[in-house]
Structures are given as structure tokens and as C-alpha cells.
Amino acid sequence: MPAKREYRDRPGTEVAVLDALVERANGGMTVFELRASVDADIDGIEDALGSLTSDGLVHAEESDGRTKFTVDDRVVPSPEDESHEDSIFDAIKRRIGL
């Protein structure tokens, strides 16, 4: 499930991180779990996490010596958000990987 439409105008790695975290909204993810889910190098993921954290879209939580990142609730689409159809432009962007 992708992040809400209003958060998809960010750089590609940030959107990929948001999407991965939305998929695991209840449990969060470590940097290494994000690395396995996002097609970017570790530096790109860390930069994206820094930007998203400073914007309040992602939160870091320390537990058992591990840092887990969770997405802010406002980024997670509600059932009403999922029911609308994507525009043709969105479908084309998704199809070609943008």
C-alpha cells in the first residue's frame, strides 16, 4: 500500500521509504530492513530518513538496542483514500517506475 498521494511529490528514495514503512505501519522497520525493501544505498536511505524525520513524517524509536522507524499516522492512507482510482498519469508513472 503506497503512502498518501500528498506525500508522493518527494524525492524517489523518500517515497520508497514511506511506502515501505506504510506497509509495516504497525511494527516499524530498522535501517537494515529498509535497505532490503528499498532500492537505494544505505547512505541514500539514511539521508531520506533524516529528511523525513525532520519533517515529522517518520519517527525513530529505540527498543532493545535497536532503532526502529515508524511512519506518522497521517501518511497512512485510510480506506476512503484507497477507493479512488489513480489518474492515467499515476498509472503511467508507476508502470515506468517513477
N, C-alpha and C. Protein backbone atom coordinates (compact mmCIF):
# COMPACT_ATOMS: atom_id res chain seq x y z
N MET A 1 0.85 -1.17 0.00
CA MET A 1 0.00 0.00 0.00
C MET A 1 0.90 1.24 0.00
N PRO A 2 0.74 2.11 -0.96
CA PRO A 2 1.58 3.31 -1.01
C PRO A 2 1.12 4.38 -0.03
N ALA A 3 2.04 5.29 0.26
CA ALA A 3 1.72 6.43 1.13
C ALA A 3 0.68 7.30 0.44
N LYS A 4 0.04 8.15 1.22
CA LYS A 4 -0.97 9.05 0.67
C LYS A 4 -0.39 9.87 -0.49
N ARG A 5 -1.26 10.23 -1.39
CA ARG A 5 -0.88 10.96 -2.59
C ARG A 5 -0.13 12.26 -2.28
N GLU A 6 -0.54 12.98 -1.25
CA GLU A 6 0.08 14.27 -0.96
C GLU A 6 1.53 14.16 -0.49
N TYR A 7 2.00 12.95 -0.19
CA TYR A 7 3.38 12.75 0.24
C TYR A 7 4.23 12.10 -0.85
N ARG A 8 3.71 12.01 -2.06
CA ARG A 8 4.40 11.32 -3.13
C ARG A 8 5.19 12.27 -4.04
N ASP A 9 5.21 13.56 -3.71
CA ASP A 9 5.95 14.52 -4.52
C ASP A 9 7.36 14.76 -4.00
N ARG A 10 7.82 13.89 -3.15
CA ARG A 10 9.15 13.98 -2.56
C ARG A 10 10.14 13.21 -3.44
N PRO A 11 11.45 13.33 -3.17
CA PRO A 11 12.43 12.54 -3.93
C PRO A 11 12.14 11.04 -3.85
N GLY A 12 12.55 10.32 -4.88
CA GLY A 12 12.23 8.90 -5.04
C GLY A 12 12.56 8.01 -3.85
N THR A 13 13.73 8.20 -3.26
CA THR A 13 14.11 7.37 -2.13
C THR A 13 13.22 7.64 -0.93
N GLU A 14 12.85 8.90 -0.73
CA GLU A 14 11.97 9.24 0.39
C GLU A 14 10.59 8.59 0.19
N VAL A 15 10.08 8.62 -1.02
CA VAL A 15 8.78 7.98 -1.31
C VAL A 15 8.88 6.48 -1.10
N ALA A 16 9.97 5.87 -1.53
CA ALA A 16 10.16 4.43 -1.36
C ALA A 16 10.22 4.06 0.12
N VAL A 17 10.89 4.88 0.92
CA VAL A 17 10.97 4.65 2.37
C VAL A 17 9.59 4.78 2.99
N LEU A 18 8.86 5.83 2.61
CA LEU A 18 7.50 6.00 3.14
C LEU A 18 6.62 4.81 2.78
N ASP A 19 6.69 4.36 1.53
CA ASP A 19 5.88 3.22 1.10
C ASP A 19 6.21 1.96 1.90
N ALA A 20 7.50 1.71 2.10
CA ALA A 20 7.92 0.54 2.88
C ALA A 20 7.42 0.63 4.31
N LEU A 21 7.51 1.80 4.90
CA LEU A 21 7.06 1.98 6.28
C LEU A 21 5.54 1.91 6.40
N VAL A 22 4.83 2.36 5.38
CA VAL A 22 3.36 2.24 5.39
C VAL A 22 2.98 0.76 5.37
N GLU A 23 3.70 -0.03 4.60
CA GLU A 23 3.43 -1.47 4.55
C GLU A 23 3.60 -2.12 5.93
N ARG A 24 4.52 -1.59 6.72
CA ARG A 24 4.78 -2.13 8.06
C ARG A 24 4.44 -1.09 9.12
N ALA A 25 3.31 -0.42 8.94
CA ALA A 25 2.92 0.68 9.82
C ALA A 25 2.81 0.27 11.29
N ASN A 26 2.45 -0.96 11.55
CA ASN A 26 2.27 -1.40 12.94
C ASN A 26 3.57 -1.76 13.63
N GLY A 27 4.54 -2.27 12.91
CA GLY A 27 5.76 -2.76 13.55
C GLY A 27 6.98 -1.91 13.36
N GLY A 28 7.01 -1.10 12.32
CA GLY A 28 8.19 -0.30 12.02
C GLY A 28 9.29 -1.15 11.40
N MET A 29 10.37 -0.51 11.03
CA MET A 29 11.48 -1.19 10.38
C MET A 29 12.81 -0.61 10.83
N THR A 30 13.84 -1.44 10.87
CA THR A 30 15.19 -0.97 11.13
C THR A 30 15.78 -0.47 9.80
N VAL A 31 16.92 0.17 9.88
CA VAL A 31 17.59 0.64 8.66
C VAL A 31 17.91 -0.54 7.75
N PHE A 32 18.32 -1.65 8.33
CA PHE A 32 18.68 -2.82 7.52
C PHE A 32 17.46 -3.45 6.86
N GLU A 33 16.32 -3.43 7.54
CA GLU A 33 15.08 -3.92 6.92
C GLU A 33 14.65 -2.99 5.79
N LEU A 34 14.83 -1.69 6.00
CA LEU A 34 14.53 -0.74 4.93
C LEU A 34 15.45 -0.96 3.73
N ARG A 35 16.71 -1.23 4.02
CA ARG A 35 17.69 -1.48 2.94
C ARG A 35 17.26 -2.66 2.08
N ALA A 36 16.68 -3.67 2.70
CA ALA A 36 16.22 -4.84 1.96
C ALA A 36 14.96 -4.54 1.14
N SER A 37 14.19 -3.53 1.55
CA SER A 37 12.93 -3.21 0.88
C SER A 37 13.02 -2.07 -0.13
N VAL A 38 14.01 -1.22 0.03
CA VAL A 38 14.14 -0.02 -0.80
C VAL A 38 15.35 -0.17 -1.70
N ASP A 39 15.17 0.15 -2.98
CA ASP A 39 16.25 0.05 -3.94
C ASP A 39 17.10 1.32 -3.91
N ALA A 40 17.92 1.42 -2.85
CA ALA A 40 18.82 2.56 -2.68
C ALA A 40 19.96 2.12 -1.77
N ASP A 41 21.07 2.84 -1.86
CA ASP A 41 22.18 2.50 -0.98
C ASP A 41 21.90 3.01 0.43
N ILE A 42 22.68 2.55 1.37
CA ILE A 42 22.45 2.86 2.78
C ILE A 42 22.55 4.36 3.04
N ASP A 43 23.45 5.05 2.34
CA ASP A 43 23.58 6.50 2.53
C ASP A 43 22.32 7.22 2.06
N GLY A 44 21.77 6.78 0.94
CA GLY A 44 20.54 7.38 0.43
C GLY A 44 19.37 7.16 1.37
N ILE A 45 19.31 5.97 1.95
CA ILE A 45 18.23 5.66 2.90
C ILE A 45 18.40 6.50 4.16
N GLU A 46 19.62 6.63 4.65
CA GLU A 46 19.85 7.44 5.85
C GLU A 46 19.53 8.91 5.59
N ASP A 47 19.88 9.42 4.41
CA ASP A 47 19.53 10.80 4.06
C ASP A 47 18.02 10.98 4.01
N ALA A 48 17.34 10.00 3.40
CA ALA A 48 15.87 10.07 3.30
C ALA A 48 15.25 10.03 4.69
N LEU A 49 15.75 9.15 5.55
CA LEU A 49 15.22 9.06 6.91
C LEU A 49 15.44 10.36 7.67
N GLY A 50 16.59 10.99 7.49
CA GLY A 50 16.88 12.26 8.14
C GLY A 50 15.90 13.34 7.71
N SER A 51 15.65 13.41 6.42
CA SER A 51 14.72 14.42 5.90
C SER A 51 13.29 14.15 6.35
N LEU A 52 12.88 12.89 6.27
CA LEU A 52 11.52 12.53 6.67
C LEU A 52 11.30 12.71 8.17
N THR A 53 12.33 12.42 8.96
CA THR A 53 12.24 12.61 10.40
C THR A 53 12.14 14.09 10.75
N SER A 54 12.95 14.90 10.10
CA SER A 54 12.91 16.34 10.39
C SER A 54 11.58 16.97 9.97
N ASP A 55 10.92 16.38 8.98
CA ASP A 55 9.60 16.86 8.54
C ASP A 55 8.47 16.26 9.35
N GLY A 56 8.78 15.38 10.30
CA GLY A 56 7.76 14.79 11.17
C GLY A 56 6.95 13.68 10.52
N LEU A 57 7.43 13.13 9.40
CA LEU A 57 6.70 12.07 8.71
C LEU A 57 7.12 10.68 9.18
N VAL A 58 8.30 10.60 9.78
CA VAL A 58 8.85 9.34 10.28
C VAL A 58 9.35 9.59 11.70
N HIS A 59 9.18 8.59 12.56
CA HIS A 59 9.63 8.68 13.94
C HIS A 59 10.59 7.54 14.23
N ALA A 60 11.63 7.83 15.01
CA ALA A 60 12.60 6.81 15.41
C ALA A 60 12.33 6.42 16.85
N GLU A 61 12.34 5.11 17.11
CA GLU A 61 12.12 4.59 18.45
C GLU A 61 13.22 3.59 18.80
N GLU A 62 13.81 3.77 19.96
CA GLU A 62 14.86 2.87 20.44
C GLU A 62 14.23 1.78 21.29
N SER A 63 14.53 0.52 20.97
CA SER A 63 14.00 -0.60 21.74
C SER A 63 14.97 -1.76 21.65
N ASP A 64 15.35 -2.29 22.79
CA ASP A 64 16.27 -3.43 22.85
C ASP A 64 17.56 -3.17 22.08
N GLY A 65 18.05 -1.96 22.14
CA GLY A 65 19.30 -1.63 21.48
C GLY A 65 19.19 -1.48 19.97
N ARG A 66 17.98 -1.50 19.45
CA ARG A 66 17.75 -1.35 18.01
C ARG A 66 16.86 -0.13 17.77
N THR A 67 17.15 0.59 16.72
CA THR A 67 16.33 1.73 16.35
C THR A 67 15.37 1.30 15.26
N LYS A 68 14.09 1.49 15.53
CA LYS A 68 13.05 1.20 14.54
C LYS A 68 12.41 2.50 14.10
N PHE A 69 12.12 2.57 12.82
CA PHE A 69 11.47 3.73 12.26
C PHE A 69 10.03 3.39 11.96
N THR A 70 9.15 4.30 12.32
CA THR A 70 7.72 4.13 12.04
C THR A 70 7.23 5.37 11.30
N VAL A 71 6.20 5.17 10.53
CA VAL A 71 5.63 6.26 9.74
C VAL A 71 4.55 6.95 10.56
N ASP A 72 4.44 8.26 10.39
CA ASP A 72 3.39 9.02 11.07
C ASP A 72 2.03 8.60 10.52
N ASP A 73 1.03 8.58 11.39
CA ASP A 73 -0.31 8.13 11.00
C ASP A 73 -0.91 8.92 9.84
N ARG A 74 -0.55 10.18 9.71
CA ARG A 74 -1.14 10.99 8.63
C ARG A 74 -0.67 10.57 7.24
N VAL A 75 0.40 9.78 7.17
CA VAL A 75 0.93 9.32 5.88
C VAL A 75 0.21 8.05 5.41
N VAL A 76 -0.35 7.30 6.36
CA VAL A 76 -1.02 6.04 6.05
C VAL A 76 -2.39 6.33 5.47
N PRO A 77 -2.67 5.81 4.25
CA PRO A 77 -3.97 6.08 3.64
C PRO A 77 -5.10 5.39 4.40
N SER A 78 -6.24 6.05 4.44
CA SER A 78 -7.43 5.46 5.04
C SER A 78 -8.17 4.67 3.96
N PRO A 79 -9.14 3.85 4.34
CA PRO A 79 -9.90 3.10 3.34
C PRO A 79 -10.55 3.99 2.28
N GLU A 80 -10.96 5.20 2.65
CA GLU A 80 -11.54 6.11 1.67
C GLU A 80 -10.51 6.53 0.63
N ASP A 81 -9.25 6.71 1.07
CA ASP A 81 -8.19 7.09 0.15
C ASP A 81 -7.91 5.99 -0.86
N GLU A 82 -8.03 4.75 -0.44
CA GLU A 82 -7.72 3.62 -1.30
C GLU A 82 -8.79 3.38 -2.35
N SER A 83 -10.00 3.86 -2.10
CA SER A 83 -11.10 3.54 -3.00
C SER A 83 -11.10 4.38 -4.28
N HIS A 84 -10.36 5.50 -4.31
CA HIS A 84 -10.36 6.30 -5.53
C HIS A 84 -9.44 5.68 -6.58
N GLU A 85 -9.75 5.96 -7.82
CA GLU A 85 -8.93 5.41 -8.90
C GLU A 85 -7.75 6.34 -9.16
N ASP A 86 -6.61 5.76 -9.51
CA ASP A 86 -5.45 6.57 -9.88
C ASP A 86 -5.72 7.22 -11.22
N SER A 87 -5.10 8.36 -11.41
CA SER A 87 -5.20 9.01 -12.71
C SER A 87 -4.36 8.24 -13.72
N ILE A 88 -4.57 8.52 -14.96
CA ILE A 88 -3.78 7.87 -16.01
C ILE A 88 -2.31 8.21 -15.83
N PHE A 89 -2.04 9.46 -15.44
CA PHE A 89 -0.67 9.88 -15.20
C PHE A 89 -0.01 9.05 -14.10
N ASP A 90 -0.73 8.80 -13.00
CA ASP A 90 -0.21 7.98 -11.91
C ASP A 90 0.07 6.56 -12.37
N ALA A 91 -0.82 6.01 -13.17
CA ALA A 91 -0.63 4.65 -13.68
C ALA A 91 0.59 4.57 -14.58
N ILE A 92 0.80 5.57 -15.40
CA ILE A 92 1.96 5.59 -16.29
C ILE A 92 3.24 5.73 -15.48
N LYS A 93 3.24 6.64 -14.48
CA LYS A 93 4.43 6.81 -13.63
C LYS A 93 4.77 5.51 -12.92
N ARG A 94 3.76 4.82 -12.40
CA ARG A 94 4.00 3.56 -11.70
C ARG A 94 4.52 2.50 -12.67
N ARG A 95 3.98 2.49 -13.86
CA ARG A 95 4.36 1.49 -14.86
C ARG A 95 5.82 1.62 -15.29
N ILE A 96 6.28 2.87 -15.44
CA ILE A 96 7.67 3.05 -15.89
C ILE A 96 8.64 3.22 -14.72
N GLY A 97 8.12 3.15 -13.50
CA GLY A 97 8.99 3.13 -12.34
C GLY A 97 9.39 4.49 -11.81
N LEU A 98 8.60 5.50 -12.02
CA LEU A 98 8.93 6.84 -11.49
C LEU A 98 8.27 7.06 -10.16
